[in-house]
Amino acid sequence: MDRLAYISTAAPGLSDDDIRRIVEQSRRYNPQQRITGHLQCCGGHFFQVLEGPAAALDDLLGRLRRDPRHEDLRLLFREDVNGREFANWSMGFGPCSKTALSADMNRRFQALRIAGEACPQRVLSLFYALMARSVDVPDGPH
């Protein structure tokens, strides 16, 4: 099983309803492919961690790269893992709060957005910090 993280920029004019549809589509598609993960939205960007069978993630990455609802997809890391971090979510979703990020979190996020990051632990550390700031939208039963 693989785990990966990416960051991308939301397409201009993407609405909250568009994002809701992305989450709903993911929650229908991902269980069929044995994919789990979590999506964060922050400052006009998507930040997502996905895990599942390598072939299923390859297919999903191809679809994501062609999706016009976002652009400039940057793969931050991909690694082979023994277990799931997001086993309870076909697609967890935590929209960022409306309050500003701390200076440190903003710096870390911008560094990912601009240059990417190869260290999975650093990427996941920031991801978990963003998750802690947001109110998770329940995934529902699997």
N, C-alpha and C. Protein backbone atom coordinates (compact mmCIF):
# COMPACT_ATOMS: atom_id res chain seq x y z
N MET A 1 0.85 -1.17 0.00
CA MET A 1 0.00 0.00 0.00
C MET A 1 0.90 1.24 0.00
N ASP A 2 0.44 2.28 -0.69
CA ASP A 2 1.17 3.54 -0.78
C ASP A 2 0.41 4.66 -0.08
N ARG A 3 1.17 5.67 0.32
CA ARG A 3 0.60 6.92 0.83
C ARG A 3 1.27 8.04 0.06
N LEU A 4 0.48 9.05 -0.29
CA LEU A 4 1.03 10.21 -0.98
C LEU A 4 0.35 11.46 -0.48
N ALA A 5 1.00 12.57 -0.72
CA ALA A 5 0.42 13.87 -0.42
C ALA A 5 0.69 14.78 -1.60
N TYR A 6 -0.27 15.64 -1.87
CA TYR A 6 -0.07 16.64 -2.92
C TYR A 6 -0.68 17.95 -2.47
N ILE A 7 -0.29 18.99 -3.16
CA ILE A 7 -0.85 20.31 -2.98
C ILE A 7 -1.18 20.84 -4.37
N SER A 8 -2.27 21.59 -4.48
CA SER A 8 -2.66 22.18 -5.76
C SER A 8 -3.38 23.50 -5.50
N THR A 9 -3.57 24.26 -6.55
CA THR A 9 -4.25 25.55 -6.46
C THR A 9 -5.66 25.41 -7.00
N ALA A 10 -6.63 25.86 -6.23
CA ALA A 10 -8.03 25.81 -6.66
C ALA A 10 -8.21 26.68 -7.90
N ALA A 11 -9.02 26.21 -8.83
CA ALA A 11 -9.31 26.98 -10.04
C ALA A 11 -10.04 28.27 -9.65
N PRO A 12 -9.78 29.36 -10.40
CA PRO A 12 -10.49 30.61 -10.12
C PRO A 12 -12.00 30.40 -10.16
N GLY A 13 -12.67 30.98 -9.20
CA GLY A 13 -14.13 30.90 -9.16
C GLY A 13 -14.69 29.62 -8.56
N LEU A 14 -13.84 28.72 -8.06
CA LEU A 14 -14.33 27.49 -7.45
C LEU A 14 -15.13 27.83 -6.21
N SER A 15 -16.35 27.34 -6.15
CA SER A 15 -17.25 27.69 -5.04
C SER A 15 -17.24 26.62 -3.95
N ASP A 16 -17.85 26.96 -2.82
CA ASP A 16 -18.03 25.98 -1.75
C ASP A 16 -18.85 24.79 -2.24
N ASP A 17 -19.84 25.04 -3.10
CA ASP A 17 -20.63 23.94 -3.66
C ASP A 17 -19.78 23.03 -4.53
N ASP A 18 -18.85 23.62 -5.29
CA ASP A 18 -17.94 22.80 -6.11
C ASP A 18 -17.09 21.91 -5.22
N ILE A 19 -16.59 22.46 -4.13
CA ILE A 19 -15.76 21.68 -3.21
C ILE A 19 -16.59 20.58 -2.56
N ARG A 20 -17.82 20.90 -2.19
CA ARG A 20 -18.72 19.88 -1.61
C ARG A 20 -18.92 18.73 -2.60
N ARG A 21 -19.07 19.06 -3.90
CA ARG A 21 -19.23 18.01 -4.91
C ARG A 21 -17.96 17.16 -5.05
N ILE A 22 -16.81 17.77 -4.94
CA ILE A 22 -15.55 17.02 -4.98
C ILE A 22 -15.53 15.99 -3.85
N VAL A 23 -15.88 16.43 -2.66
CA VAL A 23 -15.88 15.54 -1.50
C VAL A 23 -16.90 14.42 -1.69
N GLU A 24 -18.11 14.76 -2.15
CA GLU A 24 -19.14 13.73 -2.37
C GLU A 24 -18.71 12.72 -3.42
N GLN A 25 -18.13 13.18 -4.53
CA GLN A 25 -17.64 12.26 -5.56
C GLN A 25 -16.56 11.35 -5.01
N SER A 26 -15.65 11.90 -4.23
CA SER A 26 -14.57 11.12 -3.64
C SER A 26 -15.11 10.06 -2.70
N ARG A 27 -16.12 10.41 -1.94
CA ARG A 27 -16.69 9.46 -0.98
C ARG A 27 -17.43 8.32 -1.66
N ARG A 28 -17.85 8.53 -2.89
CA ARG A 28 -18.46 7.43 -3.66
C ARG A 28 -17.40 6.58 -4.35
N TYR A 29 -16.38 7.24 -4.92
CA TYR A 29 -15.36 6.55 -5.73
C TYR A 29 -14.33 5.81 -4.87
N ASN A 30 -13.83 6.46 -3.84
CA ASN A 30 -12.69 5.92 -3.09
C ASN A 30 -12.92 4.55 -2.46
N PRO A 31 -14.07 4.28 -1.83
CA PRO A 31 -14.25 2.94 -1.24
C PRO A 31 -14.17 1.82 -2.28
N GLN A 32 -14.65 2.08 -3.48
CA GLN A 32 -14.58 1.07 -4.55
C GLN A 32 -13.14 0.74 -4.92
N GLN A 33 -12.24 1.70 -4.74
CA GLN A 33 -10.84 1.53 -5.10
C GLN A 33 -9.95 1.24 -3.89
N ARG A 34 -10.56 1.12 -2.70
CA ARG A 34 -9.84 0.89 -1.44
C ARG A 34 -8.88 2.04 -1.14
N ILE A 35 -9.32 3.26 -1.44
CA ILE A 35 -8.55 4.46 -1.18
C ILE A 35 -9.16 5.18 0.03
N THR A 36 -8.29 5.63 0.92
CA THR A 36 -8.72 6.46 2.04
C THR A 36 -7.89 7.74 2.02
N GLY A 37 -8.36 8.75 2.73
CA GLY A 37 -7.59 9.98 2.75
C GLY A 37 -8.32 11.12 3.41
N HIS A 38 -7.70 12.27 3.31
CA HIS A 38 -8.25 13.47 3.92
C HIS A 38 -7.86 14.67 3.08
N LEU A 39 -8.78 15.61 2.93
CA LEU A 39 -8.59 16.81 2.13
C LEU A 39 -8.71 18.04 3.00
N GLN A 40 -7.76 18.96 2.87
CA GLN A 40 -7.82 20.26 3.53
C GLN A 40 -7.85 21.34 2.45
N CYS A 41 -8.57 22.39 2.71
CA CYS A 41 -8.57 23.57 1.84
C CYS A 41 -7.99 24.71 2.65
N CYS A 42 -7.07 25.43 2.05
CA CYS A 42 -6.38 26.47 2.80
C CYS A 42 -5.91 27.56 1.85
N GLY A 43 -6.43 28.75 2.00
CA GLY A 43 -5.95 29.87 1.21
C GLY A 43 -6.01 29.68 -0.29
N GLY A 44 -7.07 29.05 -0.78
CA GLY A 44 -7.20 28.84 -2.22
C GLY A 44 -6.42 27.65 -2.74
N HIS A 45 -5.98 26.78 -1.83
CA HIS A 45 -5.21 25.60 -2.22
C HIS A 45 -5.85 24.35 -1.64
N PHE A 46 -5.62 23.25 -2.32
CA PHE A 46 -5.98 21.94 -1.80
C PHE A 46 -4.70 21.30 -1.27
N PHE A 47 -4.84 20.60 -0.16
CA PHE A 47 -3.74 19.87 0.45
C PHE A 47 -4.35 18.54 0.83
N GLN A 48 -3.87 17.44 0.23
CA GLN A 48 -4.54 16.16 0.41
C GLN A 48 -3.53 15.05 0.64
N VAL A 49 -3.91 14.13 1.52
CA VAL A 49 -3.17 12.89 1.75
C VAL A 49 -4.09 11.76 1.34
N LEU A 50 -3.55 10.84 0.54
CA LEU A 50 -4.30 9.68 0.06
C LEU A 50 -3.49 8.42 0.33
N GLU A 51 -4.20 7.31 0.54
CA GLU A 51 -3.51 6.03 0.72
C GLU A 51 -4.35 4.92 0.13
N GLY A 52 -3.66 3.91 -0.39
CA GLY A 52 -4.35 2.79 -0.99
C GLY A 52 -3.42 1.99 -1.89
N PRO A 53 -3.98 1.05 -2.63
CA PRO A 53 -3.16 0.26 -3.55
C PRO A 53 -2.47 1.15 -4.58
N ALA A 54 -1.22 0.82 -4.90
CA ALA A 54 -0.42 1.66 -5.81
C ALA A 54 -1.13 1.92 -7.13
N ALA A 55 -1.70 0.88 -7.73
CA ALA A 55 -2.36 1.05 -9.04
C ALA A 55 -3.57 1.98 -8.94
N ALA A 56 -4.32 1.87 -7.85
CA ALA A 56 -5.49 2.74 -7.66
C ALA A 56 -5.05 4.19 -7.48
N LEU A 57 -3.95 4.41 -6.76
CA LEU A 57 -3.46 5.77 -6.57
C LEU A 57 -2.89 6.33 -7.88
N ASP A 58 -2.24 5.48 -8.67
CA ASP A 58 -1.75 5.93 -9.99
C ASP A 58 -2.91 6.42 -10.84
N ASP A 59 -3.99 5.65 -10.87
CA ASP A 59 -5.17 6.02 -11.65
C ASP A 59 -5.78 7.33 -11.13
N LEU A 60 -5.91 7.43 -9.81
CA LEU A 60 -6.49 8.63 -9.22
C LEU A 60 -5.61 9.85 -9.48
N LEU A 61 -4.30 9.71 -9.37
CA LEU A 61 -3.41 10.83 -9.66
C LEU A 61 -3.57 11.32 -11.09
N GLY A 62 -3.72 10.38 -12.02
CA GLY A 62 -3.95 10.76 -13.42
C GLY A 62 -5.24 11.56 -13.56
N ARG A 63 -6.29 11.13 -12.89
CA ARG A 63 -7.56 11.86 -12.93
C ARG A 63 -7.43 13.23 -12.29
N LEU A 64 -6.73 13.29 -11.16
CA LEU A 64 -6.55 14.57 -10.48
C LEU A 64 -5.76 15.55 -11.34
N ARG A 65 -4.75 15.07 -12.04
CA ARG A 65 -3.93 15.95 -12.88
C ARG A 65 -4.75 16.54 -14.04
N ARG A 66 -5.80 15.84 -14.46
CA ARG A 66 -6.64 16.32 -15.56
C ARG A 66 -7.86 17.12 -15.09
N ASP A 67 -8.11 17.15 -13.80
CA ASP A 67 -9.30 17.79 -13.25
C ASP A 67 -9.18 19.32 -13.35
N PRO A 68 -10.10 19.97 -14.06
CA PRO A 68 -10.01 21.43 -14.24
C PRO A 68 -10.38 22.24 -12.99
N ARG A 69 -10.81 21.58 -11.92
CA ARG A 69 -11.18 22.31 -10.71
C ARG A 69 -9.98 22.76 -9.89
N HIS A 70 -8.81 22.30 -10.31
CA HIS A 70 -7.58 22.77 -9.67
C HIS A 70 -6.44 22.69 -10.68
N GLU A 71 -5.32 23.33 -10.33
CA GLU A 71 -4.17 23.38 -11.24
C GLU A 71 -2.88 23.34 -10.43
N ASP A 72 -1.78 23.18 -11.12
CA ASP A 72 -0.45 23.19 -10.50
C ASP A 72 -0.35 22.15 -9.39
N LEU A 73 -0.78 20.92 -9.68
CA LEU A 73 -0.69 19.83 -8.71
C LEU A 73 0.78 19.48 -8.51
N ARG A 74 1.21 19.49 -7.26
CA ARG A 74 2.59 19.14 -6.91
C ARG A 74 2.58 17.96 -5.95
N LEU A 75 3.17 16.87 -6.38
CA LEU A 75 3.29 15.71 -5.51
C LEU A 75 4.36 16.01 -4.47
N LEU A 76 4.00 15.94 -3.20
CA LEU A 76 4.93 16.27 -2.12
C LEU A 76 5.75 15.07 -1.68
N PHE A 77 5.10 13.92 -1.62
CA PHE A 77 5.81 12.68 -1.35
C PHE A 77 4.91 11.51 -1.74
N ARG A 78 5.56 10.37 -1.91
CA ARG A 78 4.87 9.11 -2.10
C ARG A 78 5.75 8.05 -1.47
N GLU A 79 5.14 7.20 -0.65
CA GLU A 79 5.91 6.18 0.03
C GLU A 79 5.10 4.91 0.22
N ASP A 80 5.80 3.81 0.35
CA ASP A 80 5.20 2.53 0.66
C ASP A 80 4.98 2.48 2.17
N VAL A 81 3.78 2.09 2.59
CA VAL A 81 3.46 2.04 4.02
C VAL A 81 2.82 0.70 4.37
N ASN A 82 2.90 0.35 5.65
CA ASN A 82 2.33 -0.91 6.12
C ASN A 82 0.89 -0.78 6.60
N GLY A 83 0.48 0.43 6.97
CA GLY A 83 -0.86 0.63 7.49
C GLY A 83 -1.41 1.98 7.09
N ARG A 84 -2.68 2.18 7.40
CA ARG A 84 -3.37 3.41 7.04
C ARG A 84 -3.42 4.39 8.20
N GLU A 85 -3.20 5.65 7.89
CA GLU A 85 -3.39 6.73 8.86
C GLU A 85 -4.85 7.20 8.83
N PHE A 86 -5.51 7.04 7.69
CA PHE A 86 -6.85 7.60 7.48
C PHE A 86 -7.87 6.50 7.20
N ALA A 87 -7.74 5.40 7.92
CA ALA A 87 -8.59 4.23 7.68
C ALA A 87 -10.07 4.53 7.88
N ASN A 88 -10.40 5.51 8.69
CA ASN A 88 -11.81 5.81 8.99
C ASN A 88 -12.46 6.73 7.98
N TRP A 89 -11.72 7.19 6.97
CA TRP A 89 -12.27 8.15 6.02
C TRP A 89 -12.11 7.67 4.59
N SER A 90 -13.22 7.48 3.87
CA SER A 90 -13.11 7.30 2.43
C SER A 90 -12.63 8.61 1.84
N MET A 91 -13.05 9.72 2.45
CA MET A 91 -12.50 11.04 2.16
C MET A 91 -12.90 11.97 3.29
N GLY A 92 -12.02 12.12 4.25
CA GLY A 92 -12.25 13.10 5.30
C GLY A 92 -12.10 14.49 4.69
N PHE A 93 -12.79 15.44 5.27
CA PHE A 93 -12.72 16.80 4.74
C PHE A 93 -12.80 17.77 5.89
N GLY A 94 -11.81 18.65 5.96
CA GLY A 94 -11.80 19.65 7.01
C GLY A 94 -11.53 21.01 6.41
N PRO A 95 -12.57 21.76 6.07
CA PRO A 95 -12.32 23.09 5.53
C PRO A 95 -11.60 23.94 6.56
N CYS A 96 -10.62 24.70 6.12
CA CYS A 96 -9.88 25.56 7.06
C CYS A 96 -10.81 26.59 7.67
N SER A 97 -10.51 26.92 8.90
CA SER A 97 -11.29 27.96 9.55
C SER A 97 -11.04 29.29 8.85
N LYS A 98 -11.90 30.23 9.07
CA LYS A 98 -11.78 31.54 8.44
C LYS A 98 -10.70 32.40 9.09
N THR A 99 -10.22 31.98 10.27
CA THR A 99 -9.17 32.75 10.93
C THR A 99 -7.84 32.52 10.23
N ALA A 100 -6.99 33.50 10.30
CA ALA A 100 -5.69 33.44 9.62
C ALA A 100 -4.80 32.37 10.26
N LEU A 101 -3.93 31.79 9.42
CA LEU A 101 -2.95 30.85 9.93
C LEU A 101 -1.91 31.61 10.75
N SER A 102 -1.31 30.91 11.71
CA SER A 102 -0.21 31.52 12.45
C SER A 102 0.93 31.79 11.47
N ALA A 103 1.83 32.68 11.84
CA ALA A 103 2.95 33.00 10.96
C ALA A 103 3.76 31.75 10.63
N ASP A 104 3.99 30.89 11.62
CA ASP A 104 4.77 29.67 11.38
C ASP A 104 4.04 28.73 10.43
N MET A 105 2.74 28.50 10.67
CA MET A 105 1.99 27.60 9.79
C MET A 105 1.90 28.17 8.38
N ASN A 106 1.70 29.47 8.26
CA ASN A 106 1.64 30.09 6.95
C ASN A 106 2.98 29.94 6.21
N ARG A 107 4.08 30.14 6.90
CA ARG A 107 5.41 29.98 6.30
C ARG A 107 5.61 28.55 5.82
N ARG A 108 5.25 27.59 6.66
CA ARG A 108 5.40 26.17 6.30
C ARG A 108 4.52 25.82 5.10
N PHE A 109 3.29 26.32 5.11
CA PHE A 109 2.37 26.03 4.01
C PHE A 109 2.88 26.63 2.71
N GLN A 110 3.32 27.88 2.76
CA GLN A 110 3.82 28.54 1.55
C GLN A 110 5.07 27.84 1.02
N ALA A 111 5.93 27.34 1.91
CA ALA A 111 7.11 26.60 1.47
C ALA A 111 6.71 25.36 0.69
N LEU A 112 5.69 24.66 1.14
CA LEU A 112 5.19 23.50 0.40
C LEU A 112 4.64 23.92 -0.94
N ARG A 113 3.84 24.96 -0.94
CA ARG A 113 3.18 25.41 -2.17
C ARG A 113 4.21 25.82 -3.22
N ILE A 114 5.24 26.49 -2.80
CA ILE A 114 6.22 27.03 -3.74
C ILE A 114 7.21 25.97 -4.20
N ALA A 115 7.80 25.25 -3.25
CA ALA A 115 8.92 24.38 -3.60
C ALA A 115 8.62 22.90 -3.48
N GLY A 116 7.56 22.55 -2.81
CA GLY A 116 7.33 21.13 -2.55
C GLY A 116 8.18 20.70 -1.37
N GLU A 117 7.97 19.49 -0.92
CA GLU A 117 8.67 18.99 0.27
C GLU A 117 8.83 17.49 0.11
N ALA A 118 10.02 16.99 0.32
CA ALA A 118 10.27 15.57 0.12
C ALA A 118 10.11 14.75 1.40
N CYS A 119 10.16 15.37 2.56
CA CYS A 119 10.14 14.65 3.82
C CYS A 119 8.69 14.36 4.26
N PRO A 120 8.27 13.11 4.19
CA PRO A 120 6.89 12.79 4.57
C PRO A 120 6.52 13.24 5.98
N GLN A 121 7.45 13.12 6.93
CA GLN A 121 7.13 13.50 8.31
C GLN A 121 6.82 14.99 8.41
N ARG A 122 7.55 15.83 7.71
CA ARG A 122 7.29 17.28 7.75
C ARG A 122 5.97 17.61 7.09
N VAL A 123 5.71 16.96 5.96
CA VAL A 123 4.44 17.20 5.26
C VAL A 123 3.28 16.79 6.15
N LEU A 124 3.36 15.59 6.74
CA LEU A 124 2.27 15.10 7.58
C LEU A 124 2.12 15.95 8.85
N SER A 125 3.22 16.44 9.39
CA SER A 125 3.15 17.30 10.56
C SER A 125 2.32 18.55 10.27
N LEU A 126 2.58 19.19 9.15
CA LEU A 126 1.79 20.36 8.77
C LEU A 126 0.35 19.97 8.48
N PHE A 127 0.16 18.85 7.80
CA PHE A 127 -1.20 18.41 7.49
C PHE A 127 -2.01 18.20 8.77
N TYR A 128 -1.42 17.51 9.75
CA TYR A 128 -2.13 17.28 11.01
C TYR A 128 -2.41 18.59 11.75
N ALA A 129 -1.48 19.54 11.66
CA ALA A 129 -1.70 20.85 12.29
C ALA A 129 -2.88 21.55 11.63
N LEU A 130 -2.99 21.47 10.32
CA LEU A 130 -4.15 22.06 9.64
C LEU A 130 -5.43 21.33 9.99
N MET A 131 -5.36 20.00 10.08
CA MET A 131 -6.55 19.23 10.48
C MET A 131 -7.04 19.67 11.85
N ALA A 132 -6.11 19.92 12.76
CA ALA A 132 -6.50 20.31 14.12
C ALA A 132 -7.19 21.67 14.15
N ARG A 133 -6.92 22.53 13.16
CA ARG A 133 -7.54 23.86 13.09
C ARG A 133 -8.93 23.82 12.47
N SER A 134 -9.24 22.77 11.77
CA SER A 134 -10.50 22.75 11.02
C SER A 134 -11.54 21.89 11.71
N VAL A 135 -12.77 22.11 11.34
CA VAL A 135 -13.87 21.31 11.83
C VAL A 135 -14.11 20.24 10.79
N ASP A 136 -13.93 18.99 11.16
CA ASP A 136 -14.08 17.91 10.18
C ASP A 136 -15.54 17.75 9.80
N VAL A 137 -15.75 17.60 8.52
CA VAL A 137 -17.09 17.32 7.99
C VAL A 137 -17.22 15.80 7.96
N PRO A 138 -18.16 15.23 8.72
CA PRO A 138 -18.24 13.77 8.84
C PRO A 138 -18.29 13.08 7.48
N ASP A 139 -17.60 11.95 7.45
CA ASP A 139 -17.50 11.13 6.25
C ASP A 139 -18.73 10.26 6.08
N GLY A 140 -19.34 9.88 7.14
CA GLY A 140 -20.51 9.01 7.06
C GLY A 140 -20.09 7.55 7.13
N PRO A 141 -21.05 6.64 7.19
CA PRO A 141 -20.74 5.22 7.33
C PRO A 141 -20.09 4.67 6.07
N HIS A 142 -19.27 3.65 6.25
CA HIS A 142 -18.59 2.99 5.13
C HIS A 142 -19.31 1.71 4.79
